[in-house]
Structure formats: structure tokens, C-alpha cells
Amino acid sequence: MSLAAETRDAVRARPSLLYALRAGVVNYTAAAERLDVEGDTDSIATALRRFAEDLPPLETEHRDVTVRMRSGVGLAGEDVVATEEDDRVLTVGDVALVAAKGELTALVATGDVDTRALAVVCDRLAAENVLVDAAGVADDELVVVVPQRQGATALRHVEATFEAVPV
């Protein structure tokens, strides 16, 4: 495999670097030093530069989404019991998070949501040091579950994320 191909593979394994290349905000030499690619740093930096030139520019779009907060979410079990099927906020396999006196907050976004938006929301919350306990998306609903104390902060960041979702 050529140095250029190895460099492209290394970049694709790091989506944040791929976005940075598309946005044009990369120090190529510094990035080349951090990649696990054997070769001369200058040659790797050149391969990065050429790869960046071939990438489409990073574009964003506004998503039409309504975000609401549901407090008191918890893991269904001995301490937290769902009274109706509608109390379920998020279910993965046999595990259900329900709205019933729990210690978590669910942020429920409805509208133009998809897995791309979910990834961006989770990345944004991680960047803001907001712990995501669970997350999922289906149809036109996206759910992110966070600790109750971080609910209001998470709400602001989730709403802001939908103003400019990378395409």
C-alpha cells in the first residue's frame, strides 16, 4: 500500500481529523506526526494536503427540530416501574428507560433527525463534558439521556447543534 493510501486510511479511522481536513483547519505537519503511518513526516504531511484538496468542503445545514426535556427518567426495574407503554423514553433490547421518578433527564428531539445528527449531538455533548447515559434515533425522534443535573446544559447544546449539522 502506498504512503498516500495509508495516510487516507489513517485519516478515515479518525473522523474528527477528516472533518478538520474538510474544514481546512489542520496543521498538516502536526497531524502527520500524530498519525500511525510509517514514513517521513514531510511526506505524510504532503499526502494529507493532497487528500484534503480532494475532499469536499465541510458544509452545514440547519435542521428543523423541536427539543423538549423529560426529567425523572430512570432504568426500568425494581426501583423504577413504567405504568404504561407510553412511559418508555428509550428501549434497547430488553432494557428500557422510562419516565417515572428516575435520576436522569431525556432530551427528545423531534423533526429532521437521523443517525448523522445523533453522532453530532453525542460529539457535541462529549466536547462539553456532558455525560451521555443512553442515546438512540428512530423515525423522526432522537433521544439522549443525561444525568438530571446536566439536563439544562445539555438542552442548550443539543438545540445549538441543530443550527449547523455537518452534511
Foldseek 3Di string as FASTA:
>chain_A
DDQLVLLVVQCVVPVVSVLCLLQVNDPLLVVLVPTPGDDDSVVSSVSSNVVSVPDHHKFWAAFDKDKDKQPQKDKDDDVFHDPDPVQFDDDDVPITIGRGRHQKMKIKIFGPDDVLLQVQLVVQCVVVVWDWPDWDDDDGITITMGGPVCRVVSRVSSNVCNGTRID
